[in-house]
Amino acid sequence: MKSNRKKRLRPPEVCPVCHDEVPANALACPQCGADHNSGWREDADENDIAAPDDEFDYEKFVREEFGTPIKPAGIKTVWWITAMLLAIALLVLYLYGLM
């Protein structure tokens, strides 16, 4: 009978990405997070791991990621003016109606 378990791969003793020691039972490097899925790449650049970009433009990122904001559906100016005029008219009728 074949086992459905995957053979657990052993990590290298020293991480090829950050050169930190990796415990024998670790699934990933505790320092940089490199593992068998992301790769214990020998050619990995140490600066690639979670290094912030010095020239990062947040505004550009937001524009590219989310696009331009959609104008919310709301009451148009004409209806605000109409509501104000109606409120004033009702107030005038109420005040002059009592006198």
PDB file of N, CA and C in Angstrom:
ATOM      1  N   MET A   1       0.839  -1.170   0.000  1.00  0.00           N
ATOM      2  CA  MET A   1       0.000   0.000   0.000  1.00  0.00           C
ATOM      3  C   MET A   1       0.888   1.238   0.000  1.00  0.00           C
ATOM      4  N   LYS A   2       0.569   2.173  -0.872  1.00  0.00           N
ATOM      5  CA  LYS A   2       1.352   3.402  -0.972  1.00  0.00           C
ATOM      6  C   LYS A   2       0.880   4.412   0.050  1.00  0.00           C
ATOM      7  N   SER A   3       1.812   5.132   0.589  1.00  0.00           N
ATOM      8  CA  SER A   3       1.473   6.170   1.554  1.00  0.00           C
ATOM      9  C   SER A   3       1.176   7.471   0.813  1.00  0.00           C
ATOM     10  N   ASN A   4       0.133   8.175   1.240  1.00  0.00           N
ATOM     11  CA  ASN A   4      -0.232   9.444   0.618  1.00  0.00           C
ATOM     12  C   ASN A   4       0.554  10.608   1.201  1.00  0.00           C
ATOM     13  N   ARG A   5       1.375  10.339   2.184  1.00  0.00           N
ATOM     14  CA  ARG A   5       2.165  11.402   2.797  1.00  0.00           C
ATOM     15  C   ARG A   5       3.287  11.827   1.873  1.00  0.00           C
ATOM     16  N   LYS A   6       3.524  13.122   1.878  1.00  0.00           N
ATOM     17  CA  LYS A   6       4.657  13.635   1.117  1.00  0.00           C
ATOM     18  C   LYS A   6       5.906  13.470   1.963  1.00  0.00           C
ATOM     19  N   LYS A   7       6.989  13.177   1.310  1.00  0.00           N
ATOM     20  CA  LYS A   7       8.253  13.061   2.013  1.00  0.00           C
ATOM     21  C   LYS A   7       8.679  14.463   2.431  1.00  0.00           C
ATOM     22  N   ARG A   8       8.940  14.623   3.713  1.00  0.00           N
ATOM     23  CA  ARG A   8       9.335  15.931   4.230  1.00  0.00           C
ATOM     24  C   ARG A   8      10.787  16.191   3.864  1.00  0.00           C
ATOM     25  N   LEU A   9      10.992  17.283   3.172  1.00  0.00           N
ATOM     26  CA  LEU A   9      12.335  17.650   2.748  1.00  0.00           C
ATOM     27  C   LEU A   9      13.062  18.325   3.897  1.00  0.00           C
ATOM     28  N   ARG A  10      14.321  18.031   4.021  1.00  0.00           N
ATOM     29  CA  ARG A  10      15.128  18.631   5.086  1.00  0.00           C
ATOM     30  C   ARG A  10      15.651  19.983   4.620  1.00  0.00           C
ATOM     31  N   PRO A  11      15.627  20.956   5.503  1.00  0.00           N
ATOM     32  CA  PRO A  11      16.173  22.268   5.134  1.00  0.00           C
ATOM     33  C   PRO A  11      17.700  22.229   5.169  1.00  0.00           C
ATOM     34  N   PRO A  12      18.344  23.146   4.494  1.00  0.00           N
ATOM     35  CA  PRO A  12      19.806  23.210   4.581  1.00  0.00           C
ATOM     36  C   PRO A  12      20.223  23.672   5.982  1.00  0.00           C
ATOM     37  N   GLU A  13      21.451  23.371   6.354  1.00  0.00           N
ATOM     38  CA  GLU A  13      21.937  23.784   7.674  1.00  0.00           C
ATOM     39  C   GLU A  13      22.066  25.299   7.765  1.00  0.00           C
ATOM     40  N   VAL A  14      22.480  25.909   6.667  1.00  0.00           N
ATOM     41  CA  VAL A  14      22.626  27.359   6.599  1.00  0.00           C
ATOM     42  C   VAL A  14      21.776  27.861   5.438  1.00  0.00           C
ATOM     43  N   CYS A  15      20.953  28.859   5.701  1.00  0.00           N
ATOM     44  CA  CYS A  15      20.073  29.406   4.663  1.00  0.00           C
ATOM     45  C   CYS A  15      20.916  30.049   3.566  1.00  0.00           C
ATOM     46  N   PRO A  16      20.719  29.642   2.305  1.00  0.00           N
ATOM     47  CA  PRO A  16      21.481  30.241   1.218  1.00  0.00           C
ATOM     48  C   PRO A  16      21.054  31.676   0.903  1.00  0.00           C
ATOM     49  N   VAL A  17      19.924  32.112   1.436  1.00  0.00           N
ATOM     50  CA  VAL A  17      19.448  33.465   1.168  1.00  0.00           C
ATOM     51  C   VAL A  17      20.039  34.463   2.153  1.00  0.00           C
ATOM     52  N   CYS A  18      19.875  34.191   3.463  1.00  0.00           N
ATOM     53  CA  CYS A  18      20.328  35.159   4.466  1.00  0.00           C
ATOM     54  C   CYS A  18      21.539  34.671   5.263  1.00  0.00           C
ATOM     55  N   HIS A  19      21.954  33.452   5.037  1.00  0.00           N
ATOM     56  CA  HIS A  19      23.137  32.860   5.677  1.00  0.00           C
ATOM     57  C   HIS A  19      22.966  32.685   7.177  1.00  0.00           C
ATOM     58  N   ASP A  20      21.736  32.555   7.635  1.00  0.00           N
ATOM     59  CA  ASP A  20      21.464  32.305   9.040  1.00  0.00           C
ATOM     60  C   ASP A  20      21.338  30.799   9.236  1.00  0.00           C
ATOM     61  N   GLU A  21      21.575  30.323  10.453  1.00  0.00           N
ATOM     62  CA  GLU A  21      21.432  28.898  10.737  1.00  0.00           C
ATOM     63  C   GLU A  21      19.952  28.534  10.725  1.00  0.00           C
ATOM     64  N   VAL A  22      19.645  27.367  10.135  1.00  0.00           N
ATOM     65  CA  VAL A  22      18.274  26.888  10.049  1.00  0.00           C
ATOM     66  C   VAL A  22      18.170  25.636  10.909  1.00  0.00           C
ATOM     67  N   PRO A  23      17.252  25.597  11.892  1.00  0.00           N
ATOM     68  CA  PRO A  23      17.084  24.392  12.703  1.00  0.00           C
ATOM     69  C   PRO A  23      16.690  23.203  11.836  1.00  0.00           C
ATOM     70  N   ALA A  24      17.083  22.011  12.251  1.00  0.00           N
ATOM     71  CA  ALA A  24      16.864  20.801  11.449  1.00  0.00           C
ATOM     72  C   ALA A  24      15.385  20.499  11.238  1.00  0.00           C
ATOM     73  N   ASN A  25      14.524  20.854  12.181  1.00  0.00           N
ATOM     74  CA  ASN A  25      13.097  20.544  12.046  1.00  0.00           C
ATOM     75  C   ASN A  25      12.280  21.721  11.519  1.00  0.00           C
ATOM     76  N   ALA A  26      12.937  22.783  11.104  1.00  0.00           N
ATOM     77  CA  ALA A  26      12.230  23.982  10.639  1.00  0.00           C
ATOM     78  C   ALA A  26      11.662  23.776   9.239  1.00  0.00           C
ATOM     79  N   LEU A  27      10.492  24.341   9.008  1.00  0.00           N
ATOM     80  CA  LEU A  27       9.892  24.306   7.678  1.00  0.00           C
ATOM     81  C   LEU A  27      10.379  25.460   6.821  1.00  0.00           C
ATOM     82  N   ALA A  28      10.866  26.508   7.475  1.00  0.00           N
ATOM     83  CA  ALA A  28      11.351  27.688   6.765  1.00  0.00           C
ATOM     84  C   ALA A  28      12.453  28.332   7.593  1.00  0.00           C
ATOM     85  N   CYS A  29      13.203  29.198   6.964  1.00  0.00           N
ATOM     86  CA  CYS A  29      14.259  29.926   7.658  1.00  0.00           C
ATOM     87  C   CYS A  29      13.614  30.898   8.645  1.00  0.00           C
ATOM     88  N   PRO A  30      13.990  30.847   9.914  1.00  0.00           N
ATOM     89  CA  PRO A  30      13.376  31.753  10.883  1.00  0.00           C
ATOM     90  C   PRO A  30      13.757  33.216  10.660  1.00  0.00           C
ATOM     91  N   GLN A  31      14.827  33.469   9.952  1.00  0.00           N
ATOM     92  CA  GLN A  31      15.288  34.841   9.742  1.00  0.00           C
ATOM     93  C   GLN A  31      14.589  35.499   8.550  1.00  0.00           C
ATOM     94  N   CYS A  32      14.606  34.827   7.389  1.00  0.00           N
ATOM     95  CA  CYS A  32      14.086  35.472   6.171  1.00  0.00           C
ATOM     96  C   CYS A  32      12.837  34.813   5.607  1.00  0.00           C
ATOM     97  N   GLY A  33      12.475  33.619   6.095  1.00  0.00           N
ATOM     98  CA  GLY A  33      11.257  32.968   5.634  1.00  0.00           C
ATOM     99  C   GLY A  33      11.419  32.108   4.394  1.00  0.00           C
ATOM    100  N   ALA A  34      12.629  31.958   3.885  1.00  0.00           N
ATOM    101  CA  ALA A  34      12.835  31.107   2.709  1.00  0.00           C
ATOM    102  C   ALA A  34      12.476  29.669   3.069  1.00  0.00           C
ATOM    103  N   ASP A  35      11.872  28.953   2.118  1.00  0.00           N
ATOM    104  CA  ASP A  35      11.518  27.557   2.350  1.00  0.00           C
ATOM    105  C   ASP A  35      11.584  26.790   1.042  1.00  0.00           C
ATOM    106  N   HIS A  36      11.095  25.541   1.057  1.00  0.00           N
ATOM    107  CA  HIS A  36      11.158  24.719  -0.147  1.00  0.00           C
ATOM    108  C   HIS A  36      10.223  25.247  -1.234  1.00  0.00           C
ATOM    109  N   ASN A  37       9.118  25.868  -0.845  1.00  0.00           N
ATOM    110  CA  ASN A  37       8.191  26.402  -1.845  1.00  0.00           C
ATOM    111  C   ASN A  37       8.711  27.685  -2.478  1.00  0.00           C
ATOM    112  N   SER A  38       9.192  28.601  -1.640  1.00  0.00           N
ATOM    113  CA  SER A  38       9.714  29.851  -2.197  1.00  0.00           C
ATOM    114  C   SER A  38      11.118  29.656  -2.725  1.00  0.00           C
ATOM    115  N   GLY A  39      11.759  28.652  -2.229  1.00  0.00           N
ATOM    116  CA  GLY A  39      13.053  28.279  -2.779  1.00  0.00           C
ATOM    117  C   GLY A  39      14.219  28.637  -1.888  1.00  0.00           C
ATOM    118  N   TRP A  40      15.064  27.674  -1.671  1.00  0.00           N
ATOM    119  CA  TRP A  40      16.344  27.904  -1.012  1.00  0.00           C
ATOM    120  C   TRP A  40      17.293  28.275  -2.128  1.00  0.00           C
ATOM    121  N   ARG A  41      16.981  29.362  -2.791  1.00  0.00           N
ATOM    122  CA  ARG A  41      17.710  29.728  -4.004  1.00  0.00           C
ATOM    123  C   ARG A  41      19.121  30.191  -3.680  1.00  0.00           C
ATOM    124  N   GLU A  42      20.039  29.614  -4.370  1.00  0.00           N
ATOM    125  CA  GLU A  42      21.433  30.025  -4.219  1.00  0.00           C
ATOM    126  C   GLU A  42      21.655  31.400  -4.845  1.00  0.00           C
ATOM    127  N   ASP A  43      20.886  31.713  -5.886  1.00  0.00           N
ATOM    128  CA  ASP A  43      21.089  32.968  -6.603  1.00  0.00           C
ATOM    129  C   ASP A  43      20.249  34.120  -6.047  1.00  0.00           C
ATOM    130  N   ALA A  44      19.574  33.886  -4.924  1.00  0.00           N
ATOM    131  CA  ALA A  44      18.711  34.928  -4.363  1.00  0.00           C
ATOM    132  C   ALA A  44      19.544  36.087  -3.852  1.00  0.00           C
ATOM    133  N   ASP A  45      19.013  37.252  -4.070  1.00  0.00           N
ATOM    134  CA  ASP A  45      19.673  38.464  -3.596  1.00  0.00           C
ATOM    135  C   ASP A  45      19.189  38.745  -2.181  1.00  0.00           C
ATOM    136  N   GLU A  46      20.089  38.975  -1.272  1.00  0.00           N
ATOM    137  CA  GLU A  46      19.709  39.233   0.114  1.00  0.00           C
ATOM    138  C   GLU A  46      18.820  40.459   0.221  1.00  0.00           C
ATOM    139  N   ASN A  47      18.960  41.390  -0.667  1.00  0.00           N
ATOM    140  CA  ASN A  47      18.174  42.622  -0.604  1.00  0.00           C
ATOM    141  C   ASN A  47      16.764  42.440  -1.144  1.00  0.00           C
ATOM    142  N   ASP A  48      16.465  41.288  -1.755  1.00  0.00           N
ATOM    143  CA  ASP A  48      15.132  41.047  -2.297  1.00  0.00           C
ATOM    144  C   ASP A  48      14.111  40.759  -1.205  1.00  0.00           C
ATOM    145  N   ILE A  49      14.559  40.274  -0.084  1.00  0.00           N
ATOM    146  CA  ILE A  49      13.649  39.821   0.947  1.00  0.00           C
ATOM    147  C   ILE A  49      13.097  41.014   1.726  1.00  0.00           C
ATOM    148  N   ALA A  50      11.838  41.308   1.506  1.00  0.00           N
ATOM    149  CA  ALA A  50      11.109  42.339   2.258  1.00  0.00           C
ATOM    150  C   ALA A  50      11.873  43.651   2.383  1.00  0.00           C
ATOM    151  N   ALA A  51      12.587  44.009   1.369  1.00  0.00           N
ATOM    152  CA  ALA A  51      13.323  45.269   1.408  1.00  0.00           C
ATOM    153  C   ALA A  51      12.445  46.370   0.833  1.00  0.00           C
ATOM    154  N   PRO A  52      12.260  47.449   1.569  1.00  0.00           N
ATOM    155  CA  PRO A  52      11.435  48.535   1.040  1.00  0.00           C
ATOM    156  C   PRO A  52      12.143  49.250  -0.104  1.00  0.00           C
ATOM    157  N   ASP A  53      11.358  49.695  -1.044  1.00  0.00           N
ATOM    158  CA  ASP A  53      11.896  50.420  -2.186  1.00  0.00           C
ATOM    159  C   ASP A  53      12.100  51.876  -1.778  1.00  0.00           C
ATOM    160  N   ASP A  54      13.309  52.377  -1.981  1.00  0.00           N
ATOM    161  CA  ASP A  54      13.606  53.758  -1.595  1.00  0.00           C
ATOM    162  C   ASP A  54      12.803  54.761  -2.414  1.00  0.00           C
ATOM    163  N   GLU A  55      12.437  54.381  -3.617  1.00  0.00           N
ATOM    164  CA  GLU A  55      11.720  55.295  -4.501  1.00  0.00           C
ATOM    165  C   GLU A  55      10.237  54.951  -4.575  1.00  0.00           C
ATOM    166  N   PHE A  56       9.674  54.399  -3.513  1.00  0.00           N
ATOM    167  CA  PHE A  56       8.277  53.995  -3.515  1.00  0.00           C
ATOM    168  C   PHE A  56       7.382  55.224  -3.497  1.00  0.00           C
ATOM    169  N   ASP A  57       6.461  55.291  -4.451  1.00  0.00           N
ATOM    170  CA  ASP A  57       5.523  56.401  -4.557  1.00  0.00           C
ATOM    171  C   ASP A  57       4.139  55.885  -4.168  1.00  0.00           C
ATOM    172  N   TYR A  58       3.705  56.217  -2.964  1.00  0.00           N
ATOM    173  CA  TYR A  58       2.438  55.714  -2.457  1.00  0.00           C
ATOM    174  C   TYR A  58       1.261  56.185  -3.307  1.00  0.00           C
ATOM    175  N   GLU A  59       1.265  57.440  -3.699  1.00  0.00           N
ATOM    176  CA  GLU A  59       0.169  57.976  -4.513  1.00  0.00           C
ATOM    177  C   GLU A  59       0.052  57.221  -5.835  1.00  0.00           C
ATOM    178  N   LYS A  60       1.188  56.930  -6.466  1.00  0.00           N
ATOM    179  CA  LYS A  60       1.187  56.179  -7.721  1.00  0.00           C
ATOM    180  C   LYS A  60       0.653  54.770  -7.487  1.00  0.00           C
ATOM    181  N   PHE A  61       1.062  54.151  -6.383  1.00  0.00           N
ATOM    182  CA  PHE A  61       0.588  52.811  -6.047  1.00  0.00           C
ATOM    183  C   PHE A  61      -0.931  52.797  -5.895  1.00  0.00           C
ATOM    184  N   VAL A  62      -1.470  53.777  -5.172  1.00  0.00           N
ATOM    185  CA  VAL A  62      -2.913  53.836  -4.952  1.00  0.00           C
ATOM    186  C   VAL A  62      -3.648  54.043  -6.271  1.00  0.00           C
ATOM    187  N   ARG A  63      -3.126  54.927  -7.133  1.00  0.00           N
ATOM    188  CA  ARG A  63      -3.768  55.154  -8.439  1.00  0.00           C
ATOM    189  C   ARG A  63      -3.768  53.883  -9.274  1.00  0.00           C
ATOM    190  N   GLU A  64      -2.633  53.181  -9.321  1.00  0.00           N
ATOM    191  CA  GLU A  64      -2.539  51.972 -10.136  1.00  0.00           C
ATOM    192  C   GLU A  64      -3.375  50.836  -9.550  1.00  0.00           C
ATOM    193  N   GLU A  65      -3.394  50.738  -8.236  1.00  0.00           N
ATOM    194  CA  GLU A  65      -4.077  49.629  -7.590  1.00  0.00           C
ATOM    195  C   GLU A  65      -5.592  49.808  -7.571  1.00  0.00           C
ATOM    196  N   PHE A  66      -6.046  51.007  -7.258  1.00  0.00           N
ATOM    197  CA  PHE A  66      -7.472  51.231  -7.068  1.00  0.00           C
ATOM    198  C   PHE A  66      -8.121  52.090  -8.141  1.00  0.00           C
ATOM    199  N   GLY A  67      -7.337  52.724  -9.000  1.00  0.00           N
ATOM    200  CA  GLY A  67      -7.890  53.572 -10.044  1.00  0.00           C
ATOM    201  C   GLY A  67      -8.442  54.864  -9.472  1.00  0.00           C
ATOM    202  N   THR A  68      -9.180  55.574 -10.297  1.00  0.00           N
ATOM    203  CA  THR A  68      -9.761  56.829  -9.834  1.00  0.00           C
ATOM    204  C   THR A  68     -11.020  56.527  -9.032  1.00  0.00           C
ATOM    205  N   PRO A  69     -11.295  57.312  -8.011  1.00  0.00           N
ATOM    206  CA  PRO A  69     -12.473  57.046  -7.191  1.00  0.00           C
ATOM    207  C   PRO A  69     -13.759  57.300  -7.977  1.00  0.00           C
ATOM    208  N   ILE A  70     -14.731  56.459  -7.732  1.00  0.00           N
ATOM    209  CA  ILE A  70     -16.036  56.607  -8.375  1.00  0.00           C
ATOM    210  C   ILE A  70     -16.813  57.664  -7.601  1.00  0.00           C
ATOM    211  N   LYS A  71     -17.420  58.582  -8.337  1.00  0.00           N
ATOM    212  CA  LYS A  71     -18.195  59.639  -7.697  1.00  0.00           C
ATOM    213  C   LYS A  71     -19.425  58.997  -7.056  1.00  0.00           C
ATOM    214  N   PRO A  72     -19.614  59.210  -5.767  1.00  0.00           N
ATOM    215  CA  PRO A  72     -20.749  58.574  -5.099  1.00  0.00           C
ATOM    216  C   PRO A  72     -22.075  59.145  -5.591  1.00  0.00           C
ATOM    217  N   ALA A  73     -23.041  58.270  -5.653  1.00  0.00           N
ATOM    218  CA  ALA A  73     -24.374  58.706  -6.055  1.00  0.00           C
ATOM    219  C   ALA A  73     -24.968  59.491  -4.902  1.00  0.00           C
ATOM    220  N   GLY A  74     -25.393  60.685  -5.163  1.00  0.00           N
ATOM    221  CA  GLY A  74     -25.940  61.517  -4.100  1.00  0.00           C
ATOM    222  C   GLY A  74     -26.990  62.451  -4.650  1.00  0.00           C
ATOM    223  N   ILE A  75     -27.403  63.365  -3.798  1.00  0.00           N
ATOM    224  CA  ILE A  75     -28.414  64.333  -4.188  1.00  0.00           C
ATOM    225  C   ILE A  75     -27.730  65.462  -4.945  1.00  0.00           C
ATOM    226  N   LYS A  76     -28.266  65.775  -6.088  1.00  0.00           N
ATOM    227  CA  LYS A  76     -27.691  66.848  -6.902  1.00  0.00           C
ATOM    228  C   LYS A  76     -27.981  68.204  -6.264  1.00  0.00           C
ATOM    229  N   THR A  77     -27.195  69.180  -6.650  1.00  0.00           N
ATOM    230  CA  THR A  77     -27.291  70.527  -6.093  1.00  0.00           C
ATOM    231  C   THR A  77     -28.686  71.118  -6.288  1.00  0.00           C
ATOM    232  N   VAL A  78     -29.307  70.849  -7.417  1.00  0.00           N
ATOM    233  CA  VAL A  78     -30.647  71.384  -7.695  1.00  0.00           C
ATOM    234  C   VAL A  78     -31.627  70.941  -6.619  1.00  0.00           C
ATOM    235  N   TRP A  79     -31.535  69.696  -6.191  1.00  0.00           N
ATOM    236  CA  TRP A  79     -32.470  69.191  -5.191  1.00  0.00           C
ATOM    237  C   TRP A  79     -32.178  69.767  -3.811  1.00  0.00           C
ATOM    238  N   TRP A  80     -30.907  70.051  -3.504  1.00  0.00           N
ATOM    239  CA  TRP A  80     -30.578  70.706  -2.237  1.00  0.00           C
ATOM    240  C   TRP A  80     -31.176  72.114  -2.205  1.00  0.00           C
ATOM    241  N   ILE A  81     -31.040  72.837  -3.298  1.00  0.00           N
ATOM    242  CA  ILE A  81     -31.598  74.194  -3.373  1.00  0.00           C
ATOM    243  C   ILE A  81     -33.118  74.147  -3.256  1.00  0.00           C
ATOM    244  N   THR A  82     -33.741  73.192  -3.938  1.00  0.00           N
ATOM    245  CA  THR A  82     -35.194  73.036  -3.873  1.00  0.00           C
ATOM    246  C   THR A  82     -35.642  72.740  -2.441  1.00  0.00           C
ATOM    247  N   ALA A  83     -34.938  71.870  -1.759  1.00  0.00           N
ATOM    248  CA  ALA A  83     -35.290  71.525  -0.378  1.00  0.00           C
ATOM    249  C   ALA A  83     -35.145  72.731   0.539  1.00  0.00           C
ATOM    250  N   MET A  84     -34.109  73.526   0.347  1.00  0.00           N
ATOM    251  CA  MET A  84     -33.904  74.714   1.172  1.00  0.00           C
ATOM    252  C   MET A  84     -35.005  75.744   0.931  1.00  0.00           C
ATOM    253  N   LEU A  85     -35.341  75.978  -0.336  1.00  0.00           N
ATOM    254  CA  LEU A  85     -36.413  76.932  -0.650  1.00  0.00           C
ATOM    255  C   LEU A  85     -37.743  76.466  -0.071  1.00  0.00           C
ATOM    256  N   LEU A  86     -38.013  75.185  -0.157  1.00  0.00           N
ATOM    257  CA  LEU A  86     -39.247  74.634   0.395  1.00  0.00           C
ATOM    258  C   LEU A  86     -39.269  74.786   1.919  1.00  0.00           C
ATOM    259  N   ALA A  87     -38.149  74.539   2.568  1.00  0.00           N
ATOM    260  CA  ALA A  87     -38.074  74.688   4.025  1.00  0.00           C
ATOM    261  C   ALA A  87     -38.290  76.144   4.432  1.00  0.00           C
ATOM    262  N   ILE A  88     -37.693  77.064   3.691  1.00  0.00           N
ATOM    263  CA  ILE A  88     -37.870  78.495   3.984  1.00  0.00           C
ATOM    264  C   ILE A  88     -39.328  78.896   3.765  1.00  0.00           C
ATOM    265  N   ALA A  89     -39.926  78.418   2.674  1.00  0.00           N
ATOM    266  CA  ALA A  89     -41.329  78.741   2.390  1.00  0.00           C
ATOM    267  C   ALA A  89     -42.240  78.213   3.494  1.00  0.00           C
ATOM    268  N   LEU A  90     -42.007  77.002   3.955  1.00  0.00           N
ATOM    269  CA  LEU A  90     -42.823  76.442   5.033  1.00  0.00           C
ATOM    270  C   LEU A  90     -42.627  77.213   6.331  1.00  0.00           C
ATOM    271  N   LEU A  91     -41.402  77.645   6.598  1.00  0.00           N
ATOM    272  CA  LEU A  91     -41.121  78.433   7.796  1.00  0.00           C
ATOM    273  C   LEU A  91     -41.849  79.777   7.738  1.00  0.00           C
ATOM    274  N   VAL A  92     -41.820  80.434   6.570  1.00  0.00           N
ATOM    275  CA  VAL A  92     -42.510  81.718   6.400  1.00  0.00           C
ATOM    276  C   VAL A  92     -44.015  81.531   6.571  1.00  0.00           C
ATOM    277  N   LEU A  93     -44.588  80.497   5.958  1.00  0.00           N
ATOM    278  CA  LEU A  93     -46.025  80.238   6.105  1.00  0.00           C
ATOM    279  C   LEU A  93     -46.384  79.959   7.560  1.00  0.00           C
ATOM    280  N   TYR A  94     -45.548  79.218   8.249  1.00  0.00           N
ATOM    281  CA  TYR A  94     -45.808  78.899   9.654  1.00  0.00           C
ATOM    282  C   TYR A  94     -45.766  80.155  10.521  1.00  0.00           C
ATOM    283  N   LEU A  95     -44.728  80.985  10.316  1.00  0.00           N
ATOM    284  CA  LEU A  95     -44.593  82.198  11.132  1.00  0.00           C
ATOM    285  C   LEU A  95     -45.703  83.204  10.839  1.00  0.00           C
ATOM    286  N   TYR A  96     -46.046  83.416   9.576  1.00  0.00           N
ATOM    287  CA  TYR A  96     -47.101  84.377   9.227  1.00  0.00           C
ATOM    288  C   TYR A  96     -48.489  83.795   9.465  1.00  0.00           C
ATOM    289  N   GLY A  97     -48.577  82.496   9.506  1.00  0.00           N
ATOM    290  CA  GLY A  97     -49.878  81.870   9.767  1.00  0.00           C
ATOM    291  C   GLY A  97     -50.293  82.042  11.214  1.00  0.00           C
ATOM    292  N   LEU A  98     -49.331  82.167  12.123  1.00  0.00           N
ATOM    293  CA  LEU A  98     -49.636  82.331  13.540  1.00  0.00           C
ATOM    294  C   LEU A  98     -49.951  83.772  13.892  1.00  0.00           C
ATOM    295  N   MET A  99     -49.526  84.716  13.096  1.00  0.00           N
ATOM    296  CA  MET A  99     -49.725  86.123  13.433  1.00  0.00           C
ATOM    297  C   MET A  99     -51.003  86.656  12.911  1.00  0.00           C
TER     298      MET A  99
END
